[in-house]
Amino acid sequence: MSRVCELTGKKAMVGNNVSHAMNRTKRKFNANLLKKRFYIPEEDKWITLKVSTSALKTINKIGISAALKEAKSKGFIK
């Protein structure tokens, strides 16, 4: 499975390693992802999501139900 946040859609970015001599080689900046279990009280079940740490902060702020609703409206969850 690819390294994409299931709530925000964040994924790896491409950039350059730059040496002291200014030589550039391609590299990847991966998203900071964690596999985390969440309890949804409305449905009385646990779900496992691969989320970025910034998405975790959002979940802590607005709650898992609101975060899932927002992700569905943006099209990250079907």
N, C-alpha and C. Protein backbone atom coordinates (compact mmCIF):
# COMPACT_ATOMS: atom_id res chain seq x y z
N MET A 1 0.85 -1.18 0.00
CA MET A 1 0.00 0.00 0.00
C MET A 1 0.89 1.24 0.00
N SER A 2 0.45 2.28 -0.68
CA SER A 2 1.27 3.47 -0.81
C SER A 2 1.27 4.29 0.48
N ARG A 3 2.25 5.16 0.58
CA ARG A 3 2.39 5.98 1.76
C ARG A 3 1.58 7.26 1.59
N VAL A 4 0.25 7.13 1.80
CA VAL A 4 -0.66 8.25 1.68
C VAL A 4 -1.54 8.30 2.92
N CYS A 5 -1.71 9.50 3.48
CA CYS A 5 -2.58 9.68 4.64
C CYS A 5 -4.02 9.47 4.19
N GLU A 6 -4.77 8.67 4.94
CA GLU A 6 -6.14 8.35 4.56
C GLU A 6 -7.13 9.45 4.90
N LEU A 7 -6.74 10.43 5.72
CA LEU A 7 -7.64 11.52 6.08
C LEU A 7 -7.34 12.82 5.35
N THR A 8 -6.06 13.10 5.11
CA THR A 8 -5.70 14.38 4.49
C THR A 8 -5.21 14.23 3.07
N GLY A 9 -4.86 13.02 2.65
CA GLY A 9 -4.36 12.81 1.30
C GLY A 9 -2.90 13.18 1.11
N LYS A 10 -2.19 13.47 2.22
CA LYS A 10 -0.77 13.81 2.10
C LYS A 10 0.01 12.61 1.59
N LYS A 11 0.99 12.88 0.72
CA LYS A 11 1.84 11.81 0.20
C LYS A 11 3.25 12.33 0.01
N ALA A 12 4.13 11.47 -0.48
CA ALA A 12 5.54 11.82 -0.61
C ALA A 12 5.74 12.94 -1.63
N MET A 13 6.69 13.82 -1.33
CA MET A 13 7.08 14.88 -2.25
C MET A 13 8.47 14.55 -2.80
N VAL A 14 8.80 15.10 -3.96
CA VAL A 14 10.10 14.85 -4.57
C VAL A 14 10.93 16.12 -4.50
N GLY A 15 12.22 15.94 -4.17
CA GLY A 15 13.13 17.07 -4.09
C GLY A 15 14.54 16.64 -4.43
N ASN A 16 15.50 17.43 -4.01
CA ASN A 16 16.90 17.17 -4.30
C ASN A 16 17.73 17.09 -3.03
N ASN A 17 18.72 16.18 -3.02
CA ASN A 17 19.82 16.27 -2.08
C ASN A 17 20.82 17.22 -2.70
N VAL A 18 21.29 18.19 -1.94
CA VAL A 18 22.25 19.14 -2.48
C VAL A 18 23.53 19.01 -1.68
N SER A 19 24.62 18.62 -2.36
CA SER A 19 25.90 18.46 -1.69
C SER A 19 26.58 19.82 -1.53
N HIS A 20 27.71 19.82 -0.83
CA HIS A 20 28.47 21.05 -0.63
C HIS A 20 28.94 21.62 -1.96
N ALA A 21 29.20 20.75 -2.91
CA ALA A 21 29.62 21.18 -4.25
C ALA A 21 28.43 21.52 -5.15
N MET A 22 27.22 21.59 -4.54
CA MET A 22 25.98 21.93 -5.24
C MET A 22 25.56 20.88 -6.28
N ASN A 23 26.03 19.63 -6.14
CA ASN A 23 25.54 18.53 -6.97
C ASN A 23 24.15 18.15 -6.47
N ARG A 24 23.24 17.92 -7.39
CA ARG A 24 21.86 17.61 -7.01
C ARG A 24 21.51 16.18 -7.44
N THR A 25 20.97 15.42 -6.49
CA THR A 25 20.46 14.09 -6.78
C THR A 25 19.04 14.01 -6.23
N LYS A 26 18.20 13.28 -6.92
CA LYS A 26 16.80 13.18 -6.52
C LYS A 26 16.65 12.44 -5.19
N ARG A 27 15.65 12.87 -4.41
CA ARG A 27 15.30 12.20 -3.17
C ARG A 27 13.81 12.35 -2.94
N LYS A 28 13.29 11.63 -1.94
CA LYS A 28 11.88 11.66 -1.60
C LYS A 28 11.71 12.20 -0.18
N PHE A 29 10.72 13.05 0.01
CA PHE A 29 10.31 13.49 1.34
C PHE A 29 9.03 12.75 1.66
N ASN A 30 9.11 11.69 2.47
CA ASN A 30 7.92 10.90 2.81
C ASN A 30 7.08 11.61 3.85
N ALA A 31 5.78 11.37 3.80
CA ALA A 31 4.87 11.90 4.81
C ALA A 31 5.11 11.14 6.12
N ASN A 32 4.94 11.84 7.23
CA ASN A 32 5.13 11.25 8.55
C ASN A 32 3.85 10.50 8.93
N LEU A 33 3.79 9.20 8.59
CA LEU A 33 2.57 8.41 8.76
C LEU A 33 2.66 7.44 9.92
N LEU A 34 1.53 7.24 10.58
CA LEU A 34 1.39 6.28 11.67
C LEU A 34 0.15 5.44 11.41
N LYS A 35 0.22 4.17 11.79
CA LYS A 35 -0.95 3.29 11.73
C LYS A 35 -1.59 3.37 13.11
N LYS A 36 -2.85 3.81 13.16
CA LYS A 36 -3.49 4.10 14.44
C LYS A 36 -4.91 3.57 14.45
N ARG A 37 -5.33 3.04 15.61
CA ARG A 37 -6.70 2.56 15.79
C ARG A 37 -7.53 3.65 16.46
N PHE A 38 -8.74 3.84 15.97
CA PHE A 38 -9.65 4.83 16.53
C PHE A 38 -10.98 4.16 16.86
N TYR A 39 -11.58 4.60 17.96
CA TYR A 39 -12.90 4.10 18.35
C TYR A 39 -13.94 5.11 17.92
N ILE A 40 -14.96 4.63 17.19
CA ILE A 40 -16.05 5.48 16.76
C ILE A 40 -17.28 5.13 17.60
N PRO A 41 -17.64 6.00 18.56
CA PRO A 41 -18.75 5.66 19.46
C PRO A 41 -20.11 5.58 18.77
N GLU A 42 -20.32 6.37 17.70
CA GLU A 42 -21.61 6.35 17.02
C GLU A 42 -21.88 4.98 16.40
N GLU A 43 -20.84 4.36 15.84
CA GLU A 43 -20.99 3.05 15.20
C GLU A 43 -20.58 1.92 16.14
N ASP A 44 -20.05 2.25 17.29
CA ASP A 44 -19.60 1.29 18.31
C ASP A 44 -18.61 0.29 17.72
N LYS A 45 -17.58 0.81 17.02
CA LYS A 45 -16.57 -0.08 16.46
C LYS A 45 -15.23 0.64 16.38
N TRP A 46 -14.18 -0.16 16.21
CA TRP A 46 -12.82 0.34 16.05
C TRP A 46 -12.45 0.30 14.57
N ILE A 47 -11.71 1.32 14.12
CA ILE A 47 -11.18 1.32 12.76
C ILE A 47 -9.68 1.62 12.82
N THR A 48 -8.94 1.07 11.88
CA THR A 48 -7.51 1.32 11.77
C THR A 48 -7.27 2.18 10.55
N LEU A 49 -6.57 3.29 10.76
CA LEU A 49 -6.26 4.21 9.68
C LEU A 49 -4.77 4.48 9.63
N LYS A 50 -4.27 4.75 8.44
CA LYS A 50 -2.89 5.20 8.26
C LYS A 50 -2.96 6.71 8.12
N VAL A 51 -2.59 7.44 9.19
CA VAL A 51 -2.76 8.89 9.22
C VAL A 51 -1.43 9.59 9.44
N SER A 52 -1.34 10.83 8.95
CA SER A 52 -0.17 11.66 9.20
C SER A 52 -0.28 12.24 10.61
N THR A 53 0.84 12.70 11.13
CA THR A 53 0.83 13.26 12.48
C THR A 53 0.05 14.56 12.53
N SER A 54 0.02 15.31 11.42
CA SER A 54 -0.80 16.52 11.40
C SER A 54 -2.28 16.17 11.44
N ALA A 55 -2.67 15.05 10.81
CA ALA A 55 -4.06 14.59 10.87
C ALA A 55 -4.41 14.15 12.29
N LEU A 56 -3.45 13.57 13.01
CA LEU A 56 -3.68 13.20 14.41
C LEU A 56 -3.99 14.42 15.25
N LYS A 57 -3.27 15.52 15.02
CA LYS A 57 -3.53 16.76 15.75
C LYS A 57 -4.93 17.28 15.43
N THR A 58 -5.34 17.14 14.18
CA THR A 58 -6.68 17.56 13.78
C THR A 58 -7.74 16.70 14.46
N ILE A 59 -7.50 15.39 14.53
CA ILE A 59 -8.44 14.48 15.20
C ILE A 59 -8.55 14.83 16.68
N ASN A 60 -7.43 15.13 17.31
CA ASN A 60 -7.46 15.52 18.72
C ASN A 60 -8.23 16.82 18.93
N LYS A 61 -8.20 17.69 17.93
CA LYS A 61 -8.86 18.99 18.05
C LYS A 61 -10.36 18.91 17.78
N ILE A 62 -10.76 18.27 16.65
CA ILE A 62 -12.17 18.28 16.25
C ILE A 62 -12.89 16.96 16.48
N GLY A 63 -12.14 15.89 16.75
CA GLY A 63 -12.75 14.58 16.98
C GLY A 63 -12.72 13.71 15.73
N ILE A 64 -12.76 12.40 15.95
CA ILE A 64 -12.64 11.45 14.85
C ILE A 64 -13.85 11.50 13.92
N SER A 65 -15.04 11.67 14.47
CA SER A 65 -16.25 11.68 13.64
C SER A 65 -16.24 12.86 12.68
N ALA A 66 -15.89 14.04 13.18
CA ALA A 66 -15.85 15.24 12.33
C ALA A 66 -14.73 15.13 11.30
N ALA A 67 -13.60 14.53 11.69
CA ALA A 67 -12.48 14.37 10.76
C ALA A 67 -12.84 13.40 9.64
N LEU A 68 -13.54 12.32 9.96
CA LEU A 68 -13.99 11.37 8.95
C LEU A 68 -15.00 12.00 8.00
N LYS A 69 -15.92 12.81 8.55
CA LYS A 69 -16.92 13.48 7.73
C LYS A 69 -16.25 14.45 6.76
N GLU A 70 -15.24 15.18 7.25
CA GLU A 70 -14.51 16.13 6.42
C GLU A 70 -13.73 15.41 5.31
N ALA A 71 -13.11 14.26 5.65
CA ALA A 71 -12.36 13.49 4.66
C ALA A 71 -13.29 12.92 3.59
N LYS A 72 -14.50 12.51 3.97
CA LYS A 72 -15.47 12.00 3.00
C LYS A 72 -15.91 13.11 2.06
N SER A 73 -16.10 14.32 2.59
CA SER A 73 -16.55 15.42 1.73
C SER A 73 -15.45 15.85 0.75
N LYS A 74 -14.18 15.67 1.14
CA LYS A 74 -13.08 16.00 0.24
C LYS A 74 -12.72 14.86 -0.70
N GLY A 75 -13.32 13.68 -0.49
CA GLY A 75 -13.13 12.56 -1.41
C GLY A 75 -11.98 11.64 -1.07
N PHE A 76 -11.41 11.74 0.13
CA PHE A 76 -10.30 10.86 0.50
C PHE A 76 -10.81 9.51 0.99
N ILE A 77 -12.04 9.47 1.48
CA ILE A 77 -12.67 8.23 1.93
C ILE A 77 -13.95 8.04 1.11
N LYS A 78 -14.19 6.80 0.67
CA LYS A 78 -15.41 6.55 -0.14
C LYS A 78 -16.60 6.23 0.71
